[in-house]
PDB file of N, CA and C in Angstrom:
ATOM      1  N   MET A   1     125.510 119.727  64.339  1.00  0.00           N
ATOM      2  CA  MET A   1     125.839 118.700  63.372  1.00  0.00           C
ATOM      3  C   MET A   1     127.241 118.903  62.811  1.00  0.00           C
ATOM      4  N   ALA A   2     127.559 120.092  62.328  1.00  0.00           N
ATOM      5  CA  ALA A   2     128.884 120.352  61.768  1.00  0.00           C
ATOM      6  C   ALA A   2     129.964 120.195  62.824  1.00  0.00           C
ATOM      7  N   GLU A   3     129.670 120.579  64.064  1.00  0.00           N
ATOM      8  CA  GLU A   3     130.639 120.435  65.143  1.00  0.00           C
ATOM      9  C   GLU A   3     130.919 118.961  65.435  1.00  0.00           C
ATOM     10  N   ASP A   4     129.889 118.128  65.432  1.00  0.00           N
ATOM     11  CA  ASP A   4     130.069 116.691  65.628  1.00  0.00           C
ATOM     12  C   ASP A   4     130.912 116.095  64.509  1.00  0.00           C
ATOM     13  N   PHE A   5     130.696 116.571  63.277  1.00  0.00           N
ATOM     14  CA  PHE A   5     131.444 116.078  62.136  1.00  0.00           C
ATOM     15  C   PHE A   5     132.930 116.353  62.297  1.00  0.00           C
ATOM     16  N   ARG A   6     133.282 117.547  62.715  1.00  0.00           N
ATOM     17  CA  ARG A   6     134.693 117.907  62.860  1.00  0.00           C
ATOM     18  C   ARG A   6     135.374 117.090  63.941  1.00  0.00           C
ATOM     19  N   ARG A   7     134.625 116.621  64.924  1.00  0.00           N
ATOM     20  CA  ARG A   7     135.207 115.811  65.988  1.00  0.00           C
ATOM     21  C   ARG A   7     135.294 114.335  65.600  1.00  0.00           C
ATOM     22  N   GLY A   8     134.876 113.972  64.380  1.00  0.00           N
ATOM     23  CA  GLY A   8     134.998 112.603  63.921  1.00  0.00           C
ATOM     24  C   GLY A   8     133.901 111.691  64.435  1.00  0.00           C
ATOM     25  N   GLU A   9     132.775 112.244  64.880  1.00  0.00           N
ATOM     26  CA  GLU A   9     131.705 111.430  65.422  1.00  0.00           C
ATOM     27  C   GLU A   9     130.650 111.074  64.390  1.00  0.00           C
ATOM     28  N   ILE A  10     130.905 111.393  63.145  1.00  0.00           N
ATOM     29  CA  ILE A  10     129.931 111.109  62.097  1.00  0.00           C
ATOM     30  C   ILE A  10     130.329 109.827  61.392  1.00  0.00           C
ATOM     31  N   SER A  11     129.357 108.985  61.104  1.00  0.00           N
ATOM     32  CA  SER A  11     129.640 107.757  60.374  1.00  0.00           C
ATOM     33  C   SER A  11     129.893 108.077  58.910  1.00  0.00           C
ATOM     34  N   GLN A  12     130.385 107.095  58.193  1.00  0.00           N
ATOM     35  CA  GLN A  12     130.684 107.306  56.785  1.00  0.00           C
ATOM     36  C   GLN A  12     129.865 106.343  55.943  1.00  0.00           C
ATOM     37  N   ASN A  13     129.364 106.865  54.834  1.00  0.00           N
ATOM     38  CA  ASN A  13     128.655 106.050  53.858  1.00  0.00           C
ATOM     39  C   ASN A  13     129.308 106.240  52.504  1.00  0.00           C
ATOM     40  N   VAL A  14     129.450 105.141  51.767  1.00  0.00           N
ATOM     41  CA  VAL A  14     129.953 105.171  50.403  1.00  0.00           C
ATOM     42  C   VAL A  14     128.891 104.471  49.554  1.00  0.00           C
ATOM     43  N   ILE A  15     128.293 105.212  48.633  1.00  0.00           N
ATOM     44  CA  ILE A  15     127.218 104.660  47.811  1.00  0.00           C
ATOM     45  C   ILE A  15     127.632 104.745  46.348  1.00  0.00           C
ATOM     46  N   LEU A  16     127.742 103.584  45.710  1.00  0.00           N
ATOM     47  CA  LEU A  16     128.109 103.499  44.302  1.00  0.00           C
ATOM     48  C   LEU A  16     126.877 103.079  43.509  1.00  0.00           C
ATOM     49  N   GLU A  17     126.521 103.877  42.519  1.00  0.00           N
ATOM     50  CA  GLU A  17     125.364 103.598  41.690  1.00  0.00           C
ATOM     51  C   GLU A  17     125.821 103.270  40.273  1.00  0.00           C
ATOM     52  N   GLY A  18     125.799 101.983  39.931  1.00  0.00           N
ATOM     53  CA  GLY A  18     126.095 101.549  38.573  1.00  0.00           C
ATOM     54  C   GLY A  18     127.471 101.899  38.046  1.00  0.00           C
ATOM     55  N   ARG A  19     128.460 102.035  38.903  1.00  0.00           N
ATOM     56  CA  ARG A  19     129.827 102.404  38.527  1.00  0.00           C
ATOM     57  C   ARG A  19     129.906 103.744  37.820  1.00  0.00           C
ATOM     58  N   GLU A  20     128.856 104.569  37.904  1.00  0.00           N
ATOM     59  CA  GLU A  20     128.846 105.849  37.217  1.00  0.00           C
ATOM     60  C   GLU A  20     128.627 107.028  38.152  1.00  0.00           C
ATOM     61  N   ARG A  21     128.126 106.778  39.338  1.00  0.00           N
ATOM     62  CA  ARG A  21     127.867 107.855  40.296  1.00  0.00           C
ATOM     63  C   ARG A  21     128.280 107.354  41.681  1.00  0.00           C
ATOM     64  N   LEU A  22     129.031 108.192  42.397  1.00  0.00           N
ATOM     65  CA  LEU A  22     129.505 107.835  43.729  1.00  0.00           C
ATOM     66  C   LEU A  22     129.186 108.965  44.696  1.00  0.00           C
ATOM     67  N   SER A  23     128.629 108.614  45.840  1.00  0.00           N
ATOM     68  CA  SER A  23     128.365 109.574  46.910  1.00  0.00           C
ATOM     69  C   SER A  23     129.119 109.110  48.147  1.00  0.00           C
ATOM     70  N   VAL A  24     129.843 110.033  48.786  1.00  0.00           N
ATOM     71  CA  VAL A  24     130.623 109.710  49.968  1.00  0.00           C
ATOM     72  C   VAL A  24     130.289 110.729  51.047  1.00  0.00           C
ATOM     73  N   SER A  25     129.990 110.247  52.252  1.00  0.00           N
ATOM     74  CA  SER A  25     129.824 111.146  53.391  1.00  0.00           C
ATOM     75  C   SER A  25     130.998 110.928  54.333  1.00  0.00           C
ATOM     76  N   GLY A  26     131.219 111.859  55.229  1.00  0.00           N
ATOM     77  CA  GLY A  26     132.350 111.771  56.143  1.00  0.00           C
ATOM     78  C   GLY A  26     133.637 112.320  55.566  1.00  0.00           C
ATOM     79  N   VAL A  27     133.552 113.104  54.492  1.00  0.00           N
ATOM     80  CA  VAL A  27     134.734 113.673  53.831  1.00  0.00           C
ATOM     81  C   VAL A  27     135.194 114.904  54.611  1.00  0.00           C
ATOM     82  N   THR A  28     136.471 114.909  54.993  1.00  0.00           N
ATOM     83  CA  THR A  28     137.023 116.050  55.720  1.00  0.00           C
ATOM     84  C   THR A  28     137.875 116.950  54.835  1.00  0.00           C
ATOM     85  N   GLU A  29     138.428 116.386  53.747  1.00  0.00           N
ATOM     86  CA  GLU A  29     139.295 117.170  52.863  1.00  0.00           C
ATOM     87  C   GLU A  29     139.450 116.440  51.539  1.00  0.00           C
ATOM     88  N   VAL A  30     139.507 117.191  50.447  1.00  0.00           N
ATOM     89  CA  VAL A  30     139.859 116.628  49.151  1.00  0.00           C
ATOM     90  C   VAL A  30     141.343 116.915  48.952  1.00  0.00           C
ATOM     91  N   VAL A  31     142.135 115.855  48.896  1.00  0.00           N
ATOM     92  CA  VAL A  31     143.586 115.992  48.807  1.00  0.00           C
ATOM     93  C   VAL A  31     144.001 116.330  47.378  1.00  0.00           C
ATOM     94  N   SER A  32     143.439 115.628  46.401  1.00  0.00           N
ATOM     95  CA  SER A  32     143.728 115.905  44.999  1.00  0.00           C
ATOM     96  C   SER A  32     142.613 115.326  44.138  1.00  0.00           C
ATOM     97  N   PHE A  33     142.499 115.879  42.926  1.00  0.00           N
ATOM     98  CA  PHE A  33     141.524 115.327  41.996  1.00  0.00           C
ATOM     99  C   PHE A  33     141.895 115.702  40.573  1.00  0.00           C
ATOM    100  N   ASP A  34     141.610 114.792  39.676  1.00  0.00           N
ATOM    101  CA  ASP A  34     141.683 115.038  38.243  1.00  0.00           C
ATOM    102  C   ASP A  34     140.705 114.075  37.586  1.00  0.00           C
ATOM    103  N   GLU A  35     140.745 113.945  36.281  1.00  0.00           N
ATOM    104  CA  GLU A  35     139.769 113.113  35.574  1.00  0.00           C
ATOM    105  C   GLU A  35     139.973 111.617  35.792  1.00  0.00           C
ATOM    106  N   GLU A  36     141.121 111.219  36.355  1.00  0.00           N
ATOM    107  CA  GLU A  36     141.399 109.799  36.542  1.00  0.00           C
ATOM    108  C   GLU A  36     141.505 109.371  37.998  1.00  0.00           C
ATOM    109  N   GLU A  37     141.590 110.331  38.934  1.00  0.00           N
ATOM    110  CA  GLU A  37     141.758 109.957  40.341  1.00  0.00           C
ATOM    111  C   GLU A  37     141.270 111.081  41.259  1.00  0.00           C
ATOM    112  N   VAL A  38     140.528 110.684  42.287  1.00  0.00           N
ATOM    113  CA  VAL A  38     140.101 111.612  43.325  1.00  0.00           C
ATOM    114  C   VAL A  38     140.574 111.022  44.647  1.00  0.00           C
ATOM    115  N   VAL A  39     141.350 111.795  45.409  1.00  0.00           N
ATOM    116  CA  VAL A  39     141.868 111.353  46.702  1.00  0.00           C
ATOM    117  C   VAL A  39     141.269 112.254  47.771  1.00  0.00           C
ATOM    118  N   MET A  40     140.650 111.635  48.785  1.00  0.00           N
ATOM    119  CA  MET A  40     140.013 112.421  49.839  1.00  0.00           C
ATOM    120  C   MET A  40     140.329 111.830  51.197  1.00  0.00           C
ATOM    121  N   ASP A  41     140.412 112.697  52.189  1.00  0.00           N
ATOM    122  CA  ASP A  41     140.569 112.265  53.573  1.00  0.00           C
ATOM    123  C   ASP A  41     139.166 112.179  54.156  1.00  0.00           C
ATOM    124  N   THR A  42     138.863 111.068  54.794  1.00  0.00           N
ATOM    125  CA  THR A  42     137.531 110.857  55.344  1.00  0.00           C
ATOM    126  C   THR A  42     137.635 110.512  56.825  1.00  0.00           C
ATOM    127  N   SER A  43     136.503 110.422  57.463  1.00  0.00           N
ATOM    128  CA  SER A  43     136.473 110.060  58.881  1.00  0.00           C
ATOM    129  C   SER A  43     136.949 108.636  59.109  1.00  0.00           C
ATOM    130  N   ARG A  44     137.050 107.832  58.074  1.00  0.00           N
ATOM    131  CA  ARG A  44     137.507 106.441  58.176  1.00  0.00           C
ATOM    132  C   ARG A  44     138.840 106.186  57.495  1.00  0.00           C
ATOM    133  N   GLY A  45     139.524 107.232  57.033  1.00  0.00           N
ATOM    134  CA  GLY A  45     140.828 107.064  56.406  1.00  0.00           C
ATOM    135  C   GLY A  45     140.891 107.707  55.040  1.00  0.00           C
ATOM    136  N   LEU A  46     142.049 107.587  54.416  1.00  0.00           N
ATOM    137  CA  LEU A  46     142.291 108.147  53.094  1.00  0.00           C
ATOM    138  C   LEU A  46     141.601 107.263  52.058  1.00  0.00           C
ATOM    139  N   LEU A  47     140.772 107.852  51.218  1.00  0.00           N
ATOM    140  CA  LEU A  47     139.999 107.118  50.222  1.00  0.00           C
ATOM    141  C   LEU A  47     140.390 107.599  48.838  1.00  0.00           C
ATOM    142  N   THR A  48     140.756 106.665  47.950  1.00  0.00           N
ATOM    143  CA  THR A  48     141.137 106.980  46.579  1.00  0.00           C
ATOM    144  C   THR A  48     140.136 106.346  45.627  1.00  0.00           C
ATOM    145  N   VAL A  49     139.615 107.151  44.724  1.00  0.00           N
ATOM    146  CA  VAL A  49     138.691 106.678  43.696  1.00  0.00           C
ATOM    147  C   VAL A  49     139.397 106.833  42.361  1.00  0.00           C
ATOM    148  N   THR A  50     139.457 105.756  41.573  1.00  0.00           N
ATOM    149  CA  THR A  50     140.094 105.799  40.263  1.00  0.00           C
ATOM    150  C   THR A  50     139.069 105.503  39.180  1.00  0.00           C
ATOM    151  N   GLY A  51     139.346 106.005  37.989  1.00  0.00           N
ATOM    152  CA  GLY A  51     138.455 105.777  36.864  1.00  0.00           C
ATOM    153  C   GLY A  51     138.806 106.683  35.710  1.00  0.00           C
ATOM    154  N   SER A  52     137.805 107.030  34.927  1.00  0.00           N
ATOM    155  CA  SER A  52     138.015 107.942  33.804  1.00  0.00           C
ATOM    156  C   SER A  52     136.839 108.904  33.714  1.00  0.00           C
ATOM    157  N   ASP A  53     137.114 110.063  33.184  1.00  0.00           N
ATOM    158  CA  ASP A  53     136.106 111.128  33.057  1.00  0.00           C
ATOM    159  C   ASP A  53     135.439 111.453  34.397  1.00  0.00           C
ATOM    160  N   LEU A  54     136.213 111.435  35.485  1.00  0.00           N
ATOM    161  CA  LEU A  54     135.663 111.719  36.810  1.00  0.00           C
ATOM    162  C   LEU A  54     135.452 113.219  36.969  1.00  0.00           C
ATOM    163  N   HIS A  55     134.279 113.585  37.461  1.00  0.00           N
ATOM    164  CA  HIS A  55     133.922 114.977  37.692  1.00  0.00           C
ATOM    165  C   HIS A  55     133.237 115.091  39.045  1.00  0.00           C
ATOM    166  N   VAL A  56     133.690 116.019  39.861  1.00  0.00           N
ATOM    167  CA  VAL A  56     133.061 116.268  41.158  1.00  0.00           C
ATOM    168  C   VAL A  56     131.793 117.074  40.913  1.00  0.00           C
ATOM    169  N   ASP A  57     130.648 116.495  41.255  1.00  0.00           N
ATOM    170  CA  ASP A  57     129.362 117.176  41.084  1.00  0.00           C
ATOM    171  C   ASP A  57     129.043 118.054  42.279  1.00  0.00           C
ATOM    172  N   LYS A  58     129.325 117.560  43.459  1.00  0.00           N
ATOM    173  CA  LYS A  58     128.956 118.272  44.679  1.00  0.00           C
ATOM    174  C   LYS A  58     130.047 118.064  45.714  1.00  0.00           C
ATOM    175  N   LEU A  59     130.436 119.133  46.371  1.00  0.00           N
ATOM    176  CA  LEU A  59     131.390 119.055  47.466  1.00  0.00           C
ATOM    177  C   LEU A  59     130.945 120.034  48.543  1.00  0.00           C
ATOM    178  N   SER A  60     130.672 119.505  49.715  1.00  0.00           N
ATOM    179  CA  SER A  60     130.307 120.335  50.852  1.00  0.00           C
ATOM    180  C   SER A  60     131.083 119.830  52.062  1.00  0.00           C
ATOM    181  N   LEU A  61     132.190 120.497  52.369  1.00  0.00           N
ATOM    182  CA  LEU A  61     133.002 120.077  53.511  1.00  0.00           C
ATOM    183  C   LEU A  61     132.338 120.444  54.834  1.00  0.00           C
ATOM    184  N   ASP A  62     131.395 121.403  54.805  1.00  0.00           N
ATOM    185  CA  ASP A  62     130.670 121.757  56.034  1.00  0.00           C
ATOM    186  C   ASP A  62     129.888 120.559  56.575  1.00  0.00           C
ATOM    187  N   ILE A  63     129.313 119.781  55.671  1.00  0.00           N
ATOM    188  CA  ILE A  63     128.559 118.596  56.102  1.00  0.00           C
ATOM    189  C   ILE A  63     129.271 117.310  55.708  1.00  0.00           C
ATOM    190  N   GLY A  64     130.428 117.425  55.040  1.00  0.00           N
ATOM    191  CA  GLY A  64     131.254 116.267  54.726  1.00  0.00           C
ATOM    192  C   GLY A  64     130.741 115.389  53.613  1.00  0.00           C
ATOM    193  N   GLU A  65     130.168 115.981  52.571  1.00  0.00           N
ATOM    194  CA  GLU A  65     129.627 115.184  51.476  1.00  0.00           C
ATOM    195  C   GLU A  65     130.316 115.509  50.149  1.00  0.00           C
ATOM    196  N   LEU A  66     130.547 114.456  49.370  1.00  0.00           N
ATOM    197  CA  LEU A  66     131.126 114.589  48.045  1.00  0.00           C
ATOM    198  C   LEU A  66     130.367 113.663  47.104  1.00  0.00           C
ATOM    199  N   SER A  67     130.037 114.152  45.916  1.00  0.00           N
ATOM    200  CA  SER A  67     129.416 113.338  44.864  1.00  0.00           C
ATOM    201  C   SER A  67     130.244 113.488  43.611  1.00  0.00           C
ATOM    202  N   LEU A  68     130.452 112.387  42.910  1.00  0.00           N
ATOM    203  CA  LEU A  68     131.169 112.475  41.647  1.00  0.00           C
ATOM    204  C   LEU A  68     130.554 111.548  40.630  1.00  0.00           C
ATOM    205  N   GLN A  69     130.803 111.860  39.352  1.00  0.00           N
ATOM    206  CA  GLN A  69     130.322 111.065  38.233  1.00  0.00           C
ATOM    207  C   GLN A  69     131.483 110.715  37.325  1.00  0.00           C
ATOM    208  N   GLY A  70     131.315 109.652  36.571  1.00  0.00           N
ATOM    209  CA  GLY A  70     132.304 109.199  35.617  1.00  0.00           C
ATOM    210  C   GLY A  70     132.309 107.686  35.595  1.00  0.00           C
ATOM    211  N   VAL A  71     133.320 107.121  34.968  1.00  0.00           N
ATOM    212  CA  VAL A  71     133.478 105.672  34.948  1.00  0.00           C
ATOM    213  C   VAL A  71     134.380 105.307  36.121  1.00  0.00           C
ATOM    214  N   ILE A  72     133.820 104.647  37.121  1.00  0.00           N
ATOM    215  CA  ILE A  72     134.555 104.351  38.354  1.00  0.00           C
ATOM    216  C   ILE A  72     135.122 102.942  38.269  1.00  0.00           C
ATOM    217  N   ASP A  73     136.459 102.850  38.339  1.00  0.00           N
ATOM    218  CA  ASP A  73     137.155 101.570  38.241  1.00  0.00           C
ATOM    219  C   ASP A  73     137.552 101.011  39.601  1.00  0.00           C
ATOM    220  N   GLY A  74     137.803 101.883  40.583  1.00  0.00           N
ATOM    221  CA  GLY A  74     138.264 101.393  41.869  1.00  0.00           C
ATOM    222  C   GLY A  74     137.999 102.357  43.002  1.00  0.00           C
ATOM    223  N   ILE A  75     137.779 101.780  44.175  1.00  0.00           N
ATOM    224  CA  ILE A  75     137.614 102.547  45.411  1.00  0.00           C
ATOM    225  C   ILE A  75     138.488 101.854  46.440  1.00  0.00           C
ATOM    226  N   VAL A  76     139.495 102.572  46.946  1.00  0.00           N
ATOM    227  CA  VAL A  76     140.475 101.947  47.832  1.00  0.00           C
ATOM    228  C   VAL A  76     140.730 102.837  49.044  1.00  0.00           C
ATOM    229  N   TYR A  77     140.695 102.223  50.227  1.00  0.00           N
ATOM    230  CA  TYR A  77     141.119 102.904  51.448  1.00  0.00           C
ATOM    231  C   TYR A  77     142.603 102.623  51.651  1.00  0.00           C
ATOM    232  N   ALA A  78     143.363 103.648  51.993  1.00  0.00           N
ATOM    233  CA  ALA A  78     144.781 103.472  52.302  1.00  0.00           C
ATOM    234  C   ALA A  78     144.901 102.923  53.707  1.00  0.00           C
ATOM    235  N   ASP A  79     145.920 102.112  53.931  1.00  0.00           N
ATOM    236  CA  ASP A  79     146.151 101.621  55.285  1.00  0.00           C
ATOM    237  C   ASP A  79     146.727 102.745  56.141  1.00  0.00           C
ATOM    238  N   GLU A  80     146.823 102.520  57.421  1.00  0.00           N
ATOM    239  CA  GLU A  80     147.288 103.568  58.345  1.00  0.00           C
ATOM    240  C   GLU A  80     148.721 104.008  58.057  1.00  0.00           C
ATOM    241  N   GLN A  81     149.587 103.111  57.596  1.00  0.00           N
ATOM    242  CA  GLN A  81     150.970 103.495  57.299  1.00  0.00           C
ATOM    243  C   GLN A  81     151.010 104.497  56.153  1.00  0.00           C
ATOM    244  N   ARG A  82     150.243 104.263  55.092  1.00  0.00           N
ATOM    245  CA  ARG A  82     150.216 105.208  53.963  1.00  0.00           C
ATOM    246  C   ARG A  82     149.587 106.513  54.383  1.00  0.00           C
ATOM    247  N   ARG A  83     148.573 106.448  55.245  1.00  0.00           N
ATOM    248  CA  ARG A  83     147.898 107.664  55.673  1.00  0.00           C
ATOM    249  C   ARG A  83     148.844 108.564  56.448  1.00  0.00           C
ATOM    250  N   ARG A  84     149.758 107.994  57.201  1.00  0.00           N
ATOM    251  CA  ARG A  84     150.704 108.789  57.986  1.00  0.00           C
ATOM    252  C   ARG A  84     151.910 109.224  57.179  1.00  0.00           C
ATOM    253  N   GLY A  85     151.934 108.954  55.886  1.00  0.00           N
ATOM    254  CA  GLY A  85     153.023 109.435  55.065  1.00  0.00           C
ATOM    255  C   GLY A  85     153.851 108.329  54.439  1.00  0.00           C
ATOM    256  N   GLY A  86     153.693 107.109  54.881  1.00  0.00           N
ATOM    257  CA  GLY A  86     154.359 105.985  54.265  1.00  0.00           C
ATOM    258  C   GLY A  86     155.851 105.913  54.515  1.00  0.00           C
ATOM    259  N   PHE A  87     156.506 105.160  53.663  1.00  0.00           N
ATOM    260  CA  PHE A  87     157.920 104.862  53.802  1.00  0.00           C
ATOM    261  C   PHE A  87     158.788 106.113  53.795  1.00  0.00           C
ATOM    262  N   TRP A  88     158.563 107.025  52.842  1.00  0.00           N
ATOM    263  CA  TRP A  88     159.456 108.178  52.696  1.00  0.00           C
ATOM    264  C   TRP A  88     159.391 109.122  53.888  1.00  0.00           C
ATOM    265  N   SER A  89     158.217 109.295  54.486  1.00  0.00           N
ATOM    266  CA  SER A  89     158.152 110.182  55.648  1.00  0.00           C
ATOM    267  C   SER A  89     158.868 109.557  56.851  1.00  0.00           C
ATOM    268  N   ARG A  90     158.833 108.221  56.956  1.00  0.00           N
ATOM    269  CA  ARG A  90     159.567 107.562  58.044  1.00  0.00           C
ATOM    270  C   ARG A  90     161.064 107.575  57.768  1.00  0.00           C
ATOM    271  N   PHE A  91     161.454 107.486  56.506  1.00  0.00           N
ATOM    272  CA  PHE A  91     162.841 107.448  56.112  1.00  0.00           C
ATOM    273  C   PHE A  91     163.523 108.775  56.417  1.00  0.00           C
ATOM    274  N   PHE A  92     162.846 109.891  56.128  1.00  0.00           N
ATOM    275  CA  PHE A  92     163.427 111.210  56.367  1.00  0.00           C
ATOM    276  C   PHE A  92     162.946 111.698  57.688  1.00  0.00           C
TER     277      PHE A  92
END
């Protein structure tokens, strides 16, 4: 199972419960997090969660699962250009 996950063969689920609890599967890396933003790399792209009082409840990169609580205002996938570094990485 973990080997399949690392090869990108695992599907991704994003489950939002009442804008207060979020569960994400397919997480390969947590890029950054604080109380207002959690950025993670997933099997389907870079995912940014914004809100307030955000707290990571569970993180297991072995199975690719992340759970967080707080007031969730937004869930956004970055496009492929931003995922590859965006304008500044192409510029330099």
